[in-house]
């Protein structure tokens, strides 16, 4: 399972993720898509500045194995 903070996932194939930046302060979503391969743990992708409000935040993706009981 892959989760994201500072963005929204638009496409995922296995560990390859395509995402868009989303400002956590004003909620605007960037039109530009970026792609990355995510390994287990937390992957810091980029520090982005919102073009709308100027908020600076880090985009992080987390790949965690599902726990089965």
N, C-alpha and C. Protein backbone atom coordinates (compact mmCIF):
# COMPACT_ATOMS: atom_id res chain seq x y z
N UNK A 1 0.84 -1.17 0.00
CA UNK A 1 0.00 0.00 0.00
C UNK A 1 0.89 1.24 0.00
N UNK A 2 0.57 2.21 -0.84
CA UNK A 2 1.34 3.45 -0.91
C UNK A 2 0.44 4.62 -0.54
N UNK A 3 0.93 5.45 0.39
CA UNK A 3 0.21 6.66 0.79
C UNK A 3 1.08 7.87 0.48
N UNK A 4 0.45 9.05 0.41
CA UNK A 4 1.17 10.27 0.07
C UNK A 4 0.74 11.41 0.98
N UNK A 5 1.68 12.30 1.30
CA UNK A 5 1.35 13.56 1.96
C UNK A 5 1.94 14.66 1.09
N UNK A 6 1.19 15.74 0.92
CA UNK A 6 1.65 16.84 0.08
C UNK A 6 1.34 16.63 -1.40
N UNK A 7 0.47 15.68 -1.70
CA UNK A 7 0.13 15.42 -3.09
C UNK A 7 -1.03 14.45 -3.20
N UNK A 8 -1.41 14.16 -4.43
CA UNK A 8 -2.46 13.18 -4.71
C UNK A 8 -1.93 12.20 -5.75
N UNK A 9 -2.19 10.92 -5.54
CA UNK A 9 -1.76 9.90 -6.48
C UNK A 9 -2.75 9.85 -7.63
N UNK A 10 -2.24 9.98 -8.86
CA UNK A 10 -3.12 9.92 -10.02
C UNK A 10 -3.06 8.57 -10.72
N UNK A 11 -1.95 7.83 -10.54
CA UNK A 11 -1.82 6.50 -11.14
C UNK A 11 -0.78 5.71 -10.36
N UNK A 12 -1.03 4.41 -10.20
CA UNK A 12 -0.08 3.55 -9.52
C UNK A 12 -0.05 2.19 -10.19
N UNK A 13 1.16 1.74 -10.55
CA UNK A 13 1.37 0.39 -11.06
C UNK A 13 2.50 -0.21 -10.23
N UNK A 14 2.15 -1.17 -9.39
CA UNK A 14 3.09 -1.76 -8.43
C UNK A 14 3.69 -0.66 -7.57
N UNK A 15 5.02 -0.44 -7.66
CA UNK A 15 5.67 0.60 -6.85
C UNK A 15 5.95 1.87 -7.66
N UNK A 16 5.51 1.90 -8.91
CA UNK A 16 5.65 3.10 -9.73
C UNK A 16 4.41 3.98 -9.53
N UNK A 17 4.64 5.22 -9.07
CA UNK A 17 3.55 6.12 -8.73
C UNK A 17 3.66 7.41 -9.53
N UNK A 18 2.53 7.84 -10.09
CA UNK A 18 2.42 9.15 -10.73
C UNK A 18 1.56 10.00 -9.81
N UNK A 19 2.04 11.20 -9.48
CA UNK A 19 1.34 12.04 -8.51
C UNK A 19 1.36 13.51 -8.94
N UNK A 20 0.50 14.30 -8.30
CA UNK A 20 0.45 15.74 -8.47
C UNK A 20 0.61 16.39 -7.11
N UNK A 21 1.31 17.52 -7.06
CA UNK A 21 1.46 18.30 -5.84
C UNK A 21 0.10 18.85 -5.41
N UNK A 22 -0.21 18.75 -4.11
CA UNK A 22 -1.43 19.35 -3.56
C UNK A 22 -1.05 20.13 -2.31
N UNK A 23 -1.36 21.42 -2.31
CA UNK A 23 -1.04 22.27 -1.15
C UNK A 23 -1.93 21.89 0.02
N UNK A 24 -1.31 21.61 1.18
CA UNK A 24 -2.07 21.25 2.36
C UNK A 24 -2.67 22.47 3.04
N UNK A 25 -2.25 23.67 2.64
CA UNK A 25 -2.78 24.89 3.24
C UNK A 25 -4.01 25.40 2.49
N UNK A 26 -3.93 25.56 1.17
CA UNK A 26 -5.04 26.13 0.40
C UNK A 26 -5.78 25.09 -0.44
N UNK A 27 -5.21 23.88 -0.62
CA UNK A 27 -5.90 22.80 -1.31
C UNK A 27 -5.75 22.77 -2.82
N UNK A 28 -5.00 23.72 -3.41
CA UNK A 28 -4.84 23.74 -4.87
C UNK A 28 -3.99 22.55 -5.32
N UNK A 29 -4.38 21.94 -6.45
CA UNK A 29 -3.65 20.81 -7.02
C UNK A 29 -2.95 21.28 -8.28
N UNK A 30 -1.64 21.01 -8.36
CA UNK A 30 -0.83 21.39 -9.53
C UNK A 30 -1.24 20.55 -10.73
N UNK A 31 -1.18 21.13 -11.93
CA UNK A 31 -1.50 20.40 -13.16
C UNK A 31 -0.40 19.43 -13.56
N UNK A 32 0.85 19.73 -13.19
CA UNK A 32 2.01 18.92 -13.58
C UNK A 32 2.04 17.60 -12.80
N UNK A 33 2.27 16.51 -13.55
CA UNK A 33 2.42 15.19 -12.92
C UNK A 33 3.89 14.82 -12.85
N UNK A 34 4.25 14.09 -11.80
CA UNK A 34 5.60 13.56 -11.64
C UNK A 34 5.48 12.07 -11.35
N UNK A 35 6.52 11.31 -11.71
CA UNK A 35 6.53 9.87 -11.46
C UNK A 35 7.76 9.49 -10.65
N UNK A 36 7.61 8.45 -9.83
CA UNK A 36 8.70 7.97 -8.99
C UNK A 36 8.45 6.51 -8.64
N UNK A 37 9.53 5.75 -8.42
CA UNK A 37 9.44 4.39 -7.90
C UNK A 37 9.65 4.48 -6.39
N UNK A 38 8.75 3.88 -5.64
CA UNK A 38 8.78 3.98 -4.18
C UNK A 38 9.27 2.67 -3.59
N UNK A 39 10.26 2.76 -2.69
CA UNK A 39 10.76 1.59 -1.98
C UNK A 39 10.10 1.51 -0.61
N UNK A 40 10.28 0.42 0.11
CA UNK A 40 9.69 0.29 1.44
C UNK A 40 10.19 1.40 2.36
N UNK A 41 9.31 1.90 3.19
CA UNK A 41 9.64 3.01 4.08
C UNK A 41 9.10 4.31 3.52
N UNK A 42 9.68 5.43 3.97
CA UNK A 42 9.24 6.75 3.54
C UNK A 42 10.22 7.31 2.52
N UNK A 43 9.70 7.79 1.40
CA UNK A 43 10.51 8.41 0.36
C UNK A 43 10.15 9.88 0.27
N UNK A 44 11.13 10.76 0.56
CA UNK A 44 10.92 12.19 0.43
C UNK A 44 11.19 12.55 -1.02
N UNK A 45 10.18 13.08 -1.71
CA UNK A 45 10.28 13.34 -3.13
C UNK A 45 10.82 14.73 -3.42
N UNK A 46 10.18 15.74 -2.85
CA UNK A 46 10.55 17.11 -3.19
C UNK A 46 10.00 18.09 -2.16
N UNK A 47 10.62 19.25 -2.09
CA UNK A 47 10.08 20.37 -1.35
C UNK A 47 9.50 21.31 -2.38
N UNK A 48 8.22 21.61 -2.25
CA UNK A 48 7.53 22.44 -3.25
C UNK A 48 6.96 23.69 -2.60
N UNK A 49 6.92 24.77 -3.38
CA UNK A 49 6.29 26.00 -2.95
C UNK A 49 5.00 26.17 -3.76
N UNK A 50 3.90 26.39 -3.06
CA UNK A 50 2.61 26.56 -3.71
C UNK A 50 2.59 27.87 -4.49
N UNK A 51 2.19 27.78 -5.75
CA UNK A 51 2.12 28.97 -6.60
C UNK A 51 0.94 29.86 -6.24
N UNK A 52 -0.01 29.33 -5.48
CA UNK A 52 -1.20 30.10 -5.10
C UNK A 52 -1.00 30.88 -3.80
N UNK A 53 -0.53 30.20 -2.73
CA UNK A 53 -0.45 30.86 -1.41
C UNK A 53 0.98 30.99 -0.88
N UNK A 54 1.95 30.36 -1.53
CA UNK A 54 3.34 30.46 -1.09
C UNK A 54 3.75 29.47 -0.02
N UNK A 55 2.84 28.60 0.39
CA UNK A 55 3.15 27.58 1.39
C UNK A 55 4.26 26.67 0.88
N UNK A 56 5.23 26.37 1.74
CA UNK A 56 6.33 25.46 1.39
C UNK A 56 6.12 24.16 2.16
N UNK A 57 6.11 23.04 1.43
CA UNK A 57 5.90 21.75 2.07
C UNK A 57 6.68 20.66 1.36
N UNK A 58 6.82 19.54 2.05
CA UNK A 58 7.54 18.38 1.52
C UNK A 58 6.53 17.35 1.02
N UNK A 59 6.80 16.81 -0.16
CA UNK A 59 5.98 15.73 -0.70
C UNK A 59 6.65 14.42 -0.27
N UNK A 60 5.89 13.55 0.42
CA UNK A 60 6.42 12.27 0.90
C UNK A 60 5.48 11.15 0.49
N UNK A 61 6.08 10.05 0.06
CA UNK A 61 5.32 8.83 -0.23
C UNK A 61 5.78 7.74 0.73
N UNK A 62 4.85 6.93 1.19
CA UNK A 62 5.19 5.82 2.09
C UNK A 62 4.68 4.52 1.50
N UNK A 63 5.58 3.56 1.39
CA UNK A 63 5.23 2.22 0.91
C UNK A 63 5.33 1.29 2.10
N UNK A 64 4.20 0.72 2.49
CA UNK A 64 4.16 -0.19 3.63
C UNK A 64 3.54 -1.50 3.19
N UNK A 65 4.07 -2.59 3.69
CA UNK A 65 3.49 -3.89 3.40
C UNK A 65 2.21 -4.04 4.19
N UNK A 66 1.21 -4.65 3.58
CA UNK A 66 -0.04 -4.92 4.29
C UNK A 66 0.18 -6.00 5.33
N UNK A 67 -0.38 -5.80 6.50
CA UNK A 67 -0.29 -6.78 7.57
C UNK A 67 -1.44 -7.77 7.43
N UNK A 68 -1.15 -9.05 7.41
CA UNK A 68 -2.20 -10.06 7.38
C UNK A 68 -2.28 -10.74 8.74
N UNK A 69 -3.48 -11.02 9.16
CA UNK A 69 -3.66 -11.63 10.50
C UNK A 69 -4.20 -13.02 10.39
